[in-house]
Amino acid sequence: MAKLIQTQTGETLLHDVELADSFWKRFKGLQFRRSMPRDAGIWLTPCSSLHTCFMRFSIDVIHLDSDSRVLSVARNVRPWRLHFCPRGTCSVIETMPAAVALVTNDQVHLA
C-alpha cells in the first residue's frame, strides 16, 4: 500500500491507498466490502466513469487529470449509482466521505 501525498505541501492525506491499475483490480474496486478505513482509499487508473453497484457505503470521488491535479470532487456518492466523470478525467481516487479536503488544482501523488 502507498500513501497519498499532497504535492504542494508534502502533507500525507491518506495512509493506505490501494492502486487499481489493471482491469480486474478496477472491476473489483470497492464492491462487496463492508467498509473502508477513514485513512484509506483506492486510486483507479485509467478511469473516466464508475459505478457504485454492490457497494454498501457512500464515497467521495476525486477526479484527477493526467498530471494528478484535482479537476473536481463528487461528495457522498451513494451506492447503486452510475457516475460519469468530468471531461479530462484520467483517474479517480475513492475515499470515505470527507476523508480528505482537496480542492480544484491541488496536485497529489503516491509515496
C-alpha atoms as a PDB file:
ATOM      1  CA  MET A   1       0.000   0.000   0.000  1.00  0.00           C
ATOM      2  CA  ALA A   2       1.033   3.571  -0.580  1.00  0.00           C
ATOM      3  CA  LYS A   3       0.399   6.970   0.994  1.00  0.00           C
ATOM      4  CA  LEU A   4      -1.454   9.772  -0.778  1.00  0.00           C
ATOM      5  CA  ILE A   5       0.611  12.958  -0.588  1.00  0.00           C
ATOM      6  CA  GLN A   6      -0.478  16.496  -1.472  1.00  0.00           C
ATOM      7  CA  THR A   7       2.347  17.574  -3.762  1.00  0.00           C
ATOM      8  CA  GLN A   8       2.329  21.297  -2.911  1.00  0.00           C
ATOM      9  CA  THR A   9       2.528  20.858   0.881  1.00  0.00           C
ATOM     10  CA  GLY A  10       4.001  17.382   1.319  1.00  0.00           C
ATOM     11  CA  GLU A  11       1.128  16.547   3.674  1.00  0.00           C
ATOM     12  CA  THR A  12       0.052  12.905   3.931  1.00  0.00           C
ATOM     13  CA  LEU A  13      -3.674  12.827   3.167  1.00  0.00           C
ATOM     14  CA  LEU A  14      -4.305   9.065   3.293  1.00  0.00           C
ATOM     15  CA  HIS A  15      -2.054   6.430   4.858  1.00  0.00           C
ATOM     16  CA  ASP A  16      -3.320   3.371   2.980  1.00  0.00           C
ATOM     17  CA  VAL A  17      -4.054   3.780  -0.738  1.00  0.00           C
ATOM     18  CA  GLU A  18      -4.598   0.773  -2.966  1.00  0.00           C
ATOM     19  CA  LEU A  19      -3.619   1.247  -6.618  1.00  0.00           C
ATOM     20  CA  ALA A  20      -6.123  -0.330  -9.019  1.00  0.00           C
ATOM     21  CA  ASP A  21      -4.266  -0.173 -12.315  1.00  0.00           C
ATOM     22  CA  SER A  22      -5.420  -3.374 -14.029  1.00  0.00           C
ATOM     23  CA  PHE A  23      -8.803  -4.302 -15.462  1.00  0.00           C
ATOM     24  CA  TRP A  24      -9.625  -6.792 -12.708  1.00  0.00           C
ATOM     25  CA  LYS A  25      -8.493  -4.535  -9.854  1.00  0.00           C
ATOM     26  CA  ARG A  26     -10.610  -1.664 -11.237  1.00  0.00           C
ATOM     27  CA  PHE A  27     -13.535  -4.010 -11.860  1.00  0.00           C
ATOM     28  CA  LYS A  28     -13.486  -5.277  -8.276  1.00  0.00           C
ATOM     29  CA  GLY A  29     -12.842  -1.841  -6.754  1.00  0.00           C
ATOM     30  CA  LEU A  30     -14.795  -1.436  -3.524  1.00  0.00           C
ATOM     31  CA  GLN A  31     -17.569  -3.874  -4.426  1.00  0.00           C
ATOM     32  CA  PHE A  32     -18.793  -6.138  -1.627  1.00  0.00           C
ATOM     33  CA  ARG A  33     -16.617  -4.525   1.054  1.00  0.00           C
ATOM     34  CA  ARG A  34     -18.401  -3.799   4.309  1.00  0.00           C
ATOM     35  CA  SER A  35     -16.481  -0.575   4.918  1.00  0.00           C
ATOM     36  CA  MET A  36     -13.208   1.213   4.356  1.00  0.00           C
ATOM     37  CA  PRO A  37     -10.983   2.804   6.996  1.00  0.00           C
ATOM     38  CA  ARG A  38     -11.168   6.605   7.151  1.00  0.00           C
ATOM     39  CA  ASP A  39      -7.459   6.985   6.283  1.00  0.00           C
ATOM     40  CA  ALA A  40      -7.677   4.647   3.263  1.00  0.00           C
ATOM     41  CA  GLY A  41      -8.635   4.946  -0.381  1.00  0.00           C
ATOM     42  CA  ILE A  42      -8.381   3.355  -3.792  1.00  0.00           C
ATOM     43  CA  TRP A  43      -6.829   5.042  -6.853  1.00  0.00           C
ATOM     44  CA  LEU A  44      -8.370   3.752 -10.095  1.00  0.00           C
ATOM     45  CA  THR A  45      -6.337   4.392 -13.228  1.00  0.00           C
ATOM     46  CA  PRO A  46      -7.253   4.772 -16.000  1.00  0.00           C
ATOM     47  CA  CYS A  47     -10.819   5.740 -15.146  1.00  0.00           C
ATOM     48  CA  SER A  48     -13.333   8.098 -16.748  1.00  0.00           C
ATOM     49  CA  SER A  49     -16.576   6.694 -15.304  1.00  0.00           C
ATOM     50  CA  LEU A  50     -17.554   4.358 -12.490  1.00  0.00           C
ATOM     51  CA  HIS A  51     -20.423   2.731 -10.672  1.00  0.00           C
ATOM     52  CA  THR A  52     -21.201   2.060  -7.042  1.00  0.00           C
ATOM     53  CA  CYS A  53     -23.197  -1.136  -7.642  1.00  0.00           C
ATOM     54  CA  PHE A  54     -22.748  -3.788  -4.954  1.00  0.00           C
ATOM     55  CA  MET A  55     -21.264  -1.205  -2.601  1.00  0.00           C
ATOM     56  CA  ARG A  56     -22.550  -0.847   0.958  1.00  0.00           C
ATOM     57  CA  PHE A  57     -21.453   2.716   1.742  1.00  0.00           C
ATOM     58  CA  SER A  58     -21.194   6.174   0.188  1.00  0.00           C
ATOM     59  CA  ILE A  59     -17.872   7.540  -1.079  1.00  0.00           C
ATOM     60  CA  ASP A  60     -16.220  10.740  -2.233  1.00  0.00           C
ATOM     61  CA  VAL A  61     -14.799  10.581  -5.769  1.00  0.00           C
ATOM     62  CA  ILE A  62     -11.785  12.770  -6.556  1.00  0.00           C
ATOM     63  CA  HIS A  63     -11.366  13.338 -10.312  1.00  0.00           C
ATOM     64  CA  LEU A  64      -7.764  13.726 -11.489  1.00  0.00           C
ATOM     65  CA  ASP A  65      -6.278  14.837 -14.809  1.00  0.00           C
ATOM     66  CA  SER A  66      -3.180  13.359 -16.461  1.00  0.00           C
ATOM     67  CA  ASP A  67      -0.906  15.355 -14.108  1.00  0.00           C
ATOM     68  CA  SER A  68      -2.772  14.104 -10.998  1.00  0.00           C
ATOM     69  CA  ARG A  69      -4.334  17.536 -10.465  1.00  0.00           C
ATOM     70  CA  VAL A  70      -7.813  17.668  -8.976  1.00  0.00           C
ATOM     71  CA  LEU A  71     -10.460  18.551 -11.543  1.00  0.00           C
ATOM     72  CA  SER A  72     -13.366  18.242  -9.103  1.00  0.00           C
ATOM     73  CA  VAL A  73     -14.645  16.223  -6.164  1.00  0.00           C
ATOM     74  CA  ALA A  74     -18.013  14.452  -6.082  1.00  0.00           C
ATOM     75  CA  ARG A  75     -19.101  14.262  -2.453  1.00  0.00           C
ATOM     76  CA  ASN A  76     -21.129  11.477  -0.874  1.00  0.00           C
ATOM     77  CA  VAL A  77     -21.820   9.350  -3.961  1.00  0.00           C
ATOM     78  CA  ARG A  78     -24.341   6.781  -2.769  1.00  0.00           C
ATOM     79  CA  PRO A  79     -24.407   3.043  -3.527  1.00  0.00           C
ATOM     80  CA  TRP A  80     -26.089   1.789  -6.695  1.00  0.00           C
ATOM     81  CA  ARG A  81     -25.292   4.835  -8.825  1.00  0.00           C
ATOM     82  CA  LEU A  82     -23.578   5.400 -12.172  1.00  0.00           C
ATOM     83  CA  HIS A  83     -21.052   8.204 -12.008  1.00  0.00           C
ATOM     84  CA  PHE A  84     -19.711   9.999 -15.055  1.00  0.00           C
ATOM     85  CA  CYS A  85     -16.521  11.954 -14.553  1.00  0.00           C
ATOM     86  CA  PRO A  86     -15.893  15.424 -15.996  1.00  0.00           C
ATOM     87  CA  ARG A  87     -14.034  15.786 -19.287  1.00  0.00           C
ATOM     88  CA  GLY A  88     -10.295  15.385 -18.862  1.00  0.00           C
ATOM     89  CA  THR A  89     -10.503  12.846 -16.025  1.00  0.00           C
ATOM     90  CA  CYS A  90      -7.755  10.225 -16.347  1.00  0.00           C
ATOM     91  CA  SER A  91      -8.026   8.621 -12.904  1.00  0.00           C
ATOM     92  CA  VAL A  92     -10.059   8.836  -9.704  1.00  0.00           C
ATOM     93  CA  ILE A  93      -9.488   8.326  -6.012  1.00  0.00           C
ATOM     94  CA  GLU A  94     -12.334   6.885  -3.953  1.00  0.00           C
ATOM     95  CA  THR A  95     -12.358   7.693  -0.232  1.00  0.00           C
ATOM     96  CA  MET A  96     -14.755   7.763   2.667  1.00  0.00           C
ATOM     97  CA  PRO A  97     -16.896  10.939   2.671  1.00  0.00           C
ATOM     98  CA  ALA A  98     -14.957  13.991   3.892  1.00  0.00           C
ATOM     99  CA  ALA A  99     -11.776  11.938   4.463  1.00  0.00           C
ATOM    100  CA  VAL A 100      -9.628  14.443   2.533  1.00  0.00           C
ATOM    101  CA  ALA A 101     -10.011  18.157   1.875  1.00  0.00           C
ATOM    102  CA  LEU A 102      -8.805  18.625  -1.683  1.00  0.00           C
ATOM    103  CA  VAL A 103      -9.873  21.432  -4.000  1.00  0.00           C
ATOM    104  CA  THR A 104      -9.558  22.108  -7.723  1.00  0.00           C
ATOM    105  CA  ASN A 105      -5.937  22.323  -8.941  1.00  0.00           C
ATOM    106  CA  ASP A 106      -4.424  20.579  -5.885  1.00  0.00           C
ATOM    107  CA  GLN A 107      -1.901  18.007  -7.073  1.00  0.00           C
ATOM    108  CA  VAL A 108      -1.347  14.607  -5.443  1.00  0.00           C
ATOM    109  CA  HIS A 109       0.993  11.645  -5.765  1.00  0.00           C
ATOM    110  CA  LEU A 110       1.648   8.283  -4.145  1.00  0.00           C
ATOM    111  CA  ALA A 111       4.663   7.604  -1.978  1.00  0.00           C
END
